[in-house]
Amino acid sequence: MPPGFPSPFHHGPARGMELCVDRYLATRIDDVKKLKPPLTGFRLRCGDHRVFFDPKDESAIAITSVRNRREAYR
């Protein structure tokens, strides 16, 4: 996590994921990977959860799902 950012899960998991997504949109630096076929899009790691998304433009993404890491790729 880049210095100067609060702990993402300080206020609960939903707020933590919101902070993760906001941080990614602001800096474009985070644990993001392109998914391999047959999956499409990208995934953002937020603690024990994964945010799956498709990029729209420079300042927007379309979140397709949020899952716990244990169930994310099944």
PDB file of N, CA and C in Angstrom:
ATOM      1  N   MET A   1       0.848  -1.167   0.000  1.00  0.00           N
ATOM      2  CA  MET A   1       0.000   0.000   0.000  1.00  0.00           C
ATOM      3  C   MET A   1       0.894   1.231   0.000  1.00  0.00           C
ATOM      4  N   PRO A   2       0.609   2.205  -0.875  1.00  0.00           N
ATOM      5  CA  PRO A   2       1.448   3.396  -0.921  1.00  0.00           C
ATOM      6  C   PRO A   2       1.385   4.172   0.397  1.00  0.00           C
ATOM      7  N   PRO A   3       2.489   4.800   0.788  1.00  0.00           N
ATOM      8  CA  PRO A   3       2.475   5.566   2.024  1.00  0.00           C
ATOM      9  C   PRO A   3       1.530   6.759   1.915  1.00  0.00           C
ATOM     10  N   GLY A   4       0.958   7.146   3.040  1.00  0.00           N
ATOM     11  CA  GLY A   4       0.073   8.296   3.053  1.00  0.00           C
ATOM     12  C   GLY A   4      -1.389   7.954   2.876  1.00  0.00           C
ATOM     13  N   PHE A   5      -1.709   6.691   2.618  1.00  0.00           N
ATOM     14  CA  PHE A   5      -3.093   6.274   2.475  1.00  0.00           C
ATOM     15  C   PHE A   5      -3.527   5.561   3.752  1.00  0.00           C
ATOM     16  N   PRO A   6      -4.775   5.776   4.185  1.00  0.00           N
ATOM     17  CA  PRO A   6      -5.245   5.094   5.391  1.00  0.00           C
ATOM     18  C   PRO A   6      -5.421   3.603   5.143  1.00  0.00           C
ATOM     19  N   SER A   7      -5.445   2.844   6.218  1.00  0.00           N
ATOM     20  CA  SER A   7      -5.710   1.422   6.102  1.00  0.00           C
ATOM     21  C   SER A   7      -7.084   1.230   5.474  1.00  0.00           C
ATOM     22  N   PRO A   8      -7.198   0.447   4.413  1.00  0.00           N
ATOM     23  CA  PRO A   8      -8.460   0.347   3.698  1.00  0.00           C
ATOM     24  C   PRO A   8      -9.606  -0.227   4.516  1.00  0.00           C
ATOM     25  N   PHE A   9      -9.333  -1.037   5.520  1.00  0.00           N
ATOM     26  CA  PHE A   9     -10.413  -1.697   6.231  1.00  0.00           C
ATOM     27  C   PHE A   9     -10.606  -1.150   7.650  1.00  0.00           C
ATOM     28  N   HIS A  10     -10.174   0.086   7.859  1.00  0.00           N
ATOM     29  CA  HIS A  10     -10.319   0.716   9.167  1.00  0.00           C
ATOM     30  C   HIS A  10     -11.791   0.931   9.538  1.00  0.00           C
ATOM     31  N   HIS A  11     -12.655   1.202   8.566  1.00  0.00           N
ATOM     32  CA  HIS A  11     -14.069   1.486   8.821  1.00  0.00           C
ATOM     33  C   HIS A  11     -14.994   0.371   8.353  1.00  0.00           C
ATOM     34  N   GLY A  12     -14.497  -0.819   8.122  1.00  0.00           N
ATOM     35  CA  GLY A  12     -15.321  -1.943   7.700  1.00  0.00           C
ATOM     36  C   GLY A  12     -15.043  -2.337   6.264  1.00  0.00           C
ATOM     37  N   PRO A  13     -15.475  -3.550   5.863  1.00  0.00           N
ATOM     38  CA  PRO A  13     -15.131  -4.063   4.536  1.00  0.00           C
ATOM     39  C   PRO A  13     -15.708  -3.258   3.381  1.00  0.00           C
ATOM     40  N   ALA A  14     -16.940  -2.777   3.484  1.00  0.00           N
ATOM     41  CA  ALA A  14     -17.526  -2.027   2.365  1.00  0.00           C
ATOM     42  C   ALA A  14     -16.778  -0.712   2.168  1.00  0.00           C
ATOM     43  N   ARG A  15     -16.497  -0.020   3.243  1.00  0.00           N
ATOM     44  CA  ARG A  15     -15.749   1.239   3.147  1.00  0.00           C
ATOM     45  C   ARG A  15     -14.320   0.952   2.688  1.00  0.00           C
ATOM     46  N   GLY A  16     -13.762  -0.176   3.110  1.00  0.00           N
ATOM     47  CA  GLY A  16     -12.415  -0.543   2.696  1.00  0.00           C
ATOM     48  C   GLY A  16     -12.314  -0.769   1.209  1.00  0.00           C
ATOM     49  N   MET A  17     -13.317  -1.424   0.633  1.00  0.00           N
ATOM     50  CA  MET A  17     -13.304  -1.641  -0.811  1.00  0.00           C
ATOM     51  C   MET A  17     -13.480  -0.326  -1.562  1.00  0.00           C
ATOM     52  N   GLU A  18     -14.310   0.560  -1.017  1.00  0.00           N
ATOM     53  CA  GLU A  18     -14.493   1.871  -1.629  1.00  0.00           C
ATOM     54  C   GLU A  18     -13.176   2.652  -1.633  1.00  0.00           C
ATOM     55  N   LEU A  19     -12.446   2.588  -0.521  1.00  0.00           N
ATOM     56  CA  LEU A  19     -11.147   3.257  -0.450  1.00  0.00           C
ATOM     57  C   LEU A  19     -10.144   2.642  -1.422  1.00  0.00           C
ATOM     58  N   CYS A  20     -10.158   1.316  -1.560  1.00  0.00           N
ATOM     59  CA  CYS A  20      -9.262   0.644  -2.506  1.00  0.00           C
ATOM     60  C   CYS A  20      -9.525   1.114  -3.938  1.00  0.00           C
ATOM     61  N   VAL A  21     -10.792   1.153  -4.304  1.00  0.00           N
ATOM     62  CA  VAL A  21     -11.158   1.574  -5.664  1.00  0.00           C
ATOM     63  C   VAL A  21     -10.797   3.044  -5.864  1.00  0.00           C
ATOM     64  N   ASP A  22     -11.097   3.904  -4.887  1.00  0.00           N
ATOM     65  CA  ASP A  22     -10.748   5.321  -4.998  1.00  0.00           C
ATOM     66  C   ASP A  22      -9.247   5.509  -5.127  1.00  0.00           C
ATOM     67  N   ARG A  23      -8.470   4.766  -4.327  1.00  0.00           N
ATOM     68  CA  ARG A  23      -7.015   4.862  -4.390  1.00  0.00           C
ATOM     69  C   ARG A  23      -6.504   4.426  -5.758  1.00  0.00           C
ATOM     70  N   TYR A  24      -7.077   3.350  -6.298  1.00  0.00           N
ATOM     71  CA  TYR A  24      -6.654   2.879  -7.616  1.00  0.00           C
ATOM     72  C   TYR A  24      -6.967   3.923  -8.688  1.00  0.00           C
ATOM     73  N   LEU A  25      -8.172   4.521  -8.643  1.00  0.00           N
ATOM     74  CA  LEU A  25      -8.533   5.522  -9.638  1.00  0.00           C
ATOM     75  C   LEU A  25      -7.663   6.770  -9.540  1.00  0.00           C
ATOM     76  N   ALA A  26      -7.235   7.124  -8.334  1.00  0.00           N
ATOM     77  CA  ALA A  26      -6.426   8.319  -8.138  1.00  0.00           C
ATOM     78  C   ALA A  26      -4.978   8.117  -8.571  1.00  0.00           C
ATOM     79  N   THR A  27      -4.439   6.921  -8.326  1.00  0.00           N
ATOM     80  CA  THR A  27      -3.006   6.717  -8.551  1.00  0.00           C
ATOM     81  C   THR A  27      -2.689   5.736  -9.673  1.00  0.00           C
ATOM     82  N   ARG A  28      -3.636   4.859  -9.987  1.00  0.00           N
ATOM     83  CA  ARG A  28      -3.418   3.757 -10.946  1.00  0.00           C
ATOM     84  C   ARG A  28      -2.259   2.868 -10.516  1.00  0.00           C
ATOM     85  N   ILE A  29      -1.960   2.906  -9.213  1.00  0.00           N
ATOM     86  CA  ILE A  29      -0.921   2.048  -8.646  1.00  0.00           C
ATOM     87  C   ILE A  29      -1.579   1.192  -7.573  1.00  0.00           C
ATOM     88  N   ASP A  30      -1.668  -0.078  -7.806  1.00  0.00           N
ATOM     89  CA  ASP A  30      -2.219  -0.992  -6.818  1.00  0.00           C
ATOM     90  C   ASP A  30      -2.051  -2.400  -7.353  1.00  0.00           C
ATOM     91  N   ASP A  31      -2.564  -3.364  -6.631  1.00  0.00           N
ATOM     92  CA  ASP A  31      -2.437  -4.757  -7.048  1.00  0.00           C
ATOM     93  C   ASP A  31      -3.565  -5.101  -8.018  1.00  0.00           C
ATOM     94  N   VAL A  32      -3.364  -4.737  -9.284  1.00  0.00           N
ATOM     95  CA  VAL A  32      -4.353  -4.990 -10.338  1.00  0.00           C
ATOM     96  C   VAL A  32      -3.720  -5.903 -11.369  1.00  0.00           C
ATOM     97  N   LYS A  33      -4.482  -6.904 -11.785  1.00  0.00           N
ATOM     98  CA  LYS A  33      -3.998  -7.821 -12.826  1.00  0.00           C
ATOM     99  C   LYS A  33      -5.078  -8.050 -13.860  1.00  0.00           C
ATOM    100  N   LYS A  34      -4.651  -8.235 -15.097  1.00  0.00           N
ATOM    101  CA  LYS A  34      -5.569  -8.597 -16.167  1.00  0.00           C
ATOM    102  C   LYS A  34      -5.907 -10.067 -16.008  1.00  0.00           C
ATOM    103  N   LEU A  35      -7.185 -10.399 -16.142  1.00  0.00           N
ATOM    104  CA  LEU A  35      -7.618 -11.783 -15.981  1.00  0.00           C
ATOM    105  C   LEU A  35      -7.293 -12.592 -17.230  1.00  0.00           C
ATOM    106  N   LYS A  36      -7.010 -13.867 -17.028  1.00  0.00           N
ATOM    107  CA  LYS A  36      -6.694 -14.765 -18.137  1.00  0.00           C
ATOM    108  C   LYS A  36      -7.969 -15.437 -18.628  1.00  0.00           C
ATOM    109  N   PRO A  37      -8.020 -15.764 -19.937  1.00  0.00           N
ATOM    110  CA  PRO A  37      -9.211 -16.435 -20.481  1.00  0.00           C
ATOM    111  C   PRO A  37      -9.485 -17.730 -19.731  1.00  0.00           C
ATOM    112  N   PRO A  38     -10.725 -18.075 -19.524  1.00  0.00           N
ATOM    113  CA  PRO A  38     -11.946 -17.549 -20.133  1.00  0.00           C
ATOM    114  C   PRO A  38     -12.502 -16.325 -19.430  1.00  0.00           C
ATOM    115  N   LEU A  39     -11.876 -15.849 -18.345  1.00  0.00           N
ATOM    116  CA  LEU A  39     -12.349 -14.653 -17.658  1.00  0.00           C
ATOM    117  C   LEU A  39     -11.919 -13.414 -18.431  1.00  0.00           C
ATOM    118  N   THR A  40     -12.669 -12.335 -18.290  1.00  0.00           N
ATOM    119  CA  THR A  40     -12.328 -11.086 -18.971  1.00  0.00           C
ATOM    120  C   THR A  40     -12.275  -9.949 -17.971  1.00  0.00           C
ATOM    121  N   GLY A  41     -11.575  -8.886 -18.310  1.00  0.00           N
ATOM    122  CA  GLY A  41     -11.478  -7.715 -17.460  1.00  0.00           C
ATOM    123  C   GLY A  41     -10.252  -7.749 -16.569  1.00  0.00           C
ATOM    124  N   PHE A  42     -10.357  -7.082 -15.430  1.00  0.00           N
ATOM    125  CA  PHE A  42      -9.254  -6.948 -14.485  1.00  0.00           C
ATOM    126  C   PHE A  42      -9.748  -7.266 -13.084  1.00  0.00           C
ATOM    127  N   ARG A  43      -8.802  -7.511 -12.166  1.00  0.00           N
ATOM    128  CA  ARG A  43      -9.163  -7.688 -10.775  1.00  0.00           C
ATOM    129  C   ARG A  43      -8.271  -6.805  -9.917  1.00  0.00           C
ATOM    130  N   LEU A  44      -8.885  -6.241  -8.877  1.00  0.00           N
ATOM    131  CA  LEU A  44      -8.203  -5.396  -7.914  1.00  0.00           C
ATOM    132  C   LEU A  44      -8.250  -6.109  -6.578  1.00  0.00           C
ATOM    133  N   ARG A  45      -7.095  -6.302  -5.959  1.00  0.00           N
ATOM    134  CA  ARG A  45      -7.040  -6.975  -4.665  1.00  0.00           C
ATOM    135  C   ARG A  45      -7.280  -5.964  -3.551  1.00  0.00           C
ATOM    136  N   CYS A  46      -8.274  -6.231  -2.710  1.00  0.00           N
ATOM    137  CA  CYS A  46      -8.608  -5.374  -1.557  1.00  0.00           C
ATOM    138  C   CYS A  46      -8.722  -6.264  -0.334  1.00  0.00           C
ATOM    139  N   GLY A  47      -7.614  -6.510   0.326  1.00  0.00           N
ATOM    140  CA  GLY A  47      -7.623  -7.372   1.501  1.00  0.00           C
ATOM    141  C   GLY A  47      -8.032  -8.780   1.127  1.00  0.00           C
ATOM    142  N   ASP A  48      -9.072  -9.311   1.784  1.00  0.00           N
ATOM    143  CA  ASP A  48      -9.557 -10.658   1.506  1.00  0.00           C
ATOM    144  C   ASP A  48     -10.586 -10.687   0.382  1.00  0.00           C
ATOM    145  N   HIS A  49     -10.803  -9.566  -0.281  1.00  0.00           N
ATOM    146  CA  HIS A  49     -11.799  -9.501  -1.354  1.00  0.00           C
ATOM    147  C   HIS A  49     -11.144  -9.141  -2.670  1.00  0.00           C
ATOM    148  N   ARG A  50     -11.826  -9.487  -3.744  1.00  0.00           N
ATOM    149  CA  ARG A  50     -11.377  -9.147  -5.088  1.00  0.00           C
ATOM    150  C   ARG A  50     -12.482  -8.357  -5.771  1.00  0.00           C
ATOM    151  N   VAL A  51     -12.112  -7.228  -6.356  1.00  0.00           N
ATOM    152  CA  VAL A  51     -13.047  -6.394  -7.103  1.00  0.00           C
ATOM    153  C   VAL A  51     -12.749  -6.635  -8.577  1.00  0.00           C
ATOM    154  N   PHE A  52     -13.721  -7.179  -9.298  1.00  0.00           N
ATOM    155  CA  PHE A  52     -13.561  -7.434 -10.727  1.00  0.00           C
ATOM    156  C   PHE A  52     -14.174  -6.272 -11.476  1.00  0.00           C
ATOM    157  N   PHE A  53     -13.457  -5.766 -12.499  1.00  0.00           N
ATOM    158  CA  PHE A  53     -13.946  -4.575 -13.192  1.00  0.00           C
ATOM    159  C   PHE A  53     -13.477  -4.538 -14.636  1.00  0.00           C
ATOM    160  N   ASP A  54     -14.149  -3.677 -15.405  1.00  0.00           N
ATOM    161  CA  ASP A  54     -13.759  -3.356 -16.773  1.00  0.00           C
ATOM    162  C   ASP A  54     -13.461  -1.863 -16.805  1.00  0.00           C
ATOM    163  N   PRO A  55     -12.325  -1.445 -17.372  1.00  0.00           N
ATOM    164  CA  PRO A  55     -12.027  -0.013 -17.442  1.00  0.00           C
ATOM    165  C   PRO A  55     -12.950   0.674 -18.451  1.00  0.00           C
ATOM    166  N   LYS A  56     -13.387   1.880 -18.113  1.00  0.00           N
ATOM    167  CA  LYS A  56     -14.246   2.664 -19.012  1.00  0.00           C
ATOM    168  C   LYS A  56     -13.475   3.817 -19.639  1.00  0.00           C
ATOM    169  N   ASP A  57     -12.836   4.631 -18.824  1.00  0.00           N
ATOM    170  CA  ASP A  57     -11.985   5.726 -19.316  1.00  0.00           C
ATOM    171  C   ASP A  57     -10.960   6.052 -18.235  1.00  0.00           C
ATOM    172  N   GLU A  58     -10.311   7.205 -18.338  1.00  0.00           N
ATOM    173  CA  GLU A  58      -9.244   7.574 -17.408  1.00  0.00           C
ATOM    174  C   GLU A  58      -9.696   7.641 -15.948  1.00  0.00           C
ATOM    175  N   SER A  59     -10.963   8.001 -15.722  1.00  0.00           N
ATOM    176  CA  SER A  59     -11.399   8.216 -14.345  1.00  0.00           C
ATOM    177  C   SER A  59     -12.584   7.346 -13.934  1.00  0.00           C
ATOM    178  N   ALA A  60     -12.865   6.295 -14.693  1.00  0.00           N
ATOM    179  CA  ALA A  60     -14.027   5.464 -14.364  1.00  0.00           C
ATOM    180  C   ALA A  60     -13.767   3.998 -14.692  1.00  0.00           C
ATOM    181  N   ILE A  61     -14.352   3.136 -13.862  1.00  0.00           N
ATOM    182  CA  ILE A  61     -14.342   1.704 -14.127  1.00  0.00           C
ATOM    183  C   ILE A  61     -15.756   1.186 -13.901  1.00  0.00           C
ATOM    184  N   ALA A  62     -16.082   0.070 -14.522  1.00  0.00           N
ATOM    185  CA  ALA A  62     -17.373  -0.592 -14.310  1.00  0.00           C
ATOM    186  C   ALA A  62     -17.110  -1.841 -13.481  1.00  0.00           C
ATOM    187  N   ILE A  63     -17.549  -1.824 -12.234  1.00  0.00           N
ATOM    188  CA  ILE A  63     -17.340  -2.970 -11.339  1.00  0.00           C
ATOM    189  C   ILE A  63     -18.351  -4.046 -11.714  1.00  0.00           C
ATOM    190  N   THR A  64     -17.846  -5.228 -12.028  1.00  0.00           N
ATOM    191  CA  THR A  64     -18.723  -6.326 -12.434  1.00  0.00           C
ATOM    192  C   THR A  64     -19.071  -7.245 -11.271  1.00  0.00           C
ATOM    193  N   SER A  65     -18.163  -7.388 -10.290  1.00  0.00           N
ATOM    194  CA  SER A  65     -18.479  -8.181  -9.101  1.00  0.00           C
ATOM    195  C   SER A  65     -17.438  -7.950  -8.026  1.00  0.00           C
ATOM    196  N   VAL A  66     -17.814  -8.283  -6.803  1.00  0.00           N
ATOM    197  CA  VAL A  66     -16.925  -8.245  -5.642  1.00  0.00           C
ATOM    198  C   VAL A  66     -17.112  -9.571  -4.931  1.00  0.00           C
ATOM    199  N   ARG A  67     -16.010 -10.283  -4.713  1.00  0.00           N
ATOM    200  CA  ARG A  67     -16.095 -11.602  -4.079  1.00  0.00           C
ATOM    201  C   ARG A  67     -14.970 -11.800  -3.080  1.00  0.00           C
ATOM    202  N   ASN A  68     -15.213 -12.681  -2.115  1.00  0.00           N
ATOM    203  CA  ASN A  68     -14.174 -13.094  -1.199  1.00  0.00           C
ATOM    204  C   ASN A  68     -13.136 -13.874  -1.987  1.00  0.00           C
ATOM    205  N   ARG A  69     -11.884 -13.750  -1.608  1.00  0.00           N
ATOM    206  CA  ARG A  69     -10.814 -14.378  -2.398  1.00  0.00           C
ATOM    207  C   ARG A  69     -10.934 -15.888  -2.490  1.00  0.00           C
ATOM    208  N   ARG A  70     -11.530 -16.529  -1.473  1.00  0.00           N
ATOM    209  CA  ARG A  70     -11.670 -17.985  -1.507  1.00  0.00           C
ATOM    210  C   ARG A  70     -12.629 -18.438  -2.596  1.00  0.00           C
ATOM    211  N   GLU A  71     -13.585 -17.597  -2.941  1.00  0.00           N
ATOM    212  CA  GLU A  71     -14.608 -17.966  -3.925  1.00  0.00           C
ATOM    213  C   GLU A  71     -14.464 -17.202  -5.230  1.00  0.00           C
ATOM    214  N   ALA A  72     -13.480 -16.340  -5.342  1.00  0.00           N
ATOM    215  CA  ALA A  72     -13.402 -15.409  -6.456  1.00  0.00           C
ATOM    216  C   ALA A  72     -13.198 -16.066  -7.819  1.00  0.00           C
ATOM    217  N   TYR A  73     -12.447 -17.125  -7.881  1.00  0.00           N
ATOM    218  CA  TYR A  73     -12.072 -17.687  -9.192  1.00  0.00           C
ATOM    219  C   TYR A  73     -12.763 -19.009  -9.494  1.00  0.00           C
ATOM    220  N   ARG A  74     -13.747 -19.371  -8.734  1.00  0.00           N
ATOM    221  CA  ARG A  74     -14.458 -20.650  -8.952  1.00  0.00           C
ATOM    222  C   ARG A  74     -15.554 -20.486  -9.953  1.00  0.00           C
TER     223      ARG A  74
END
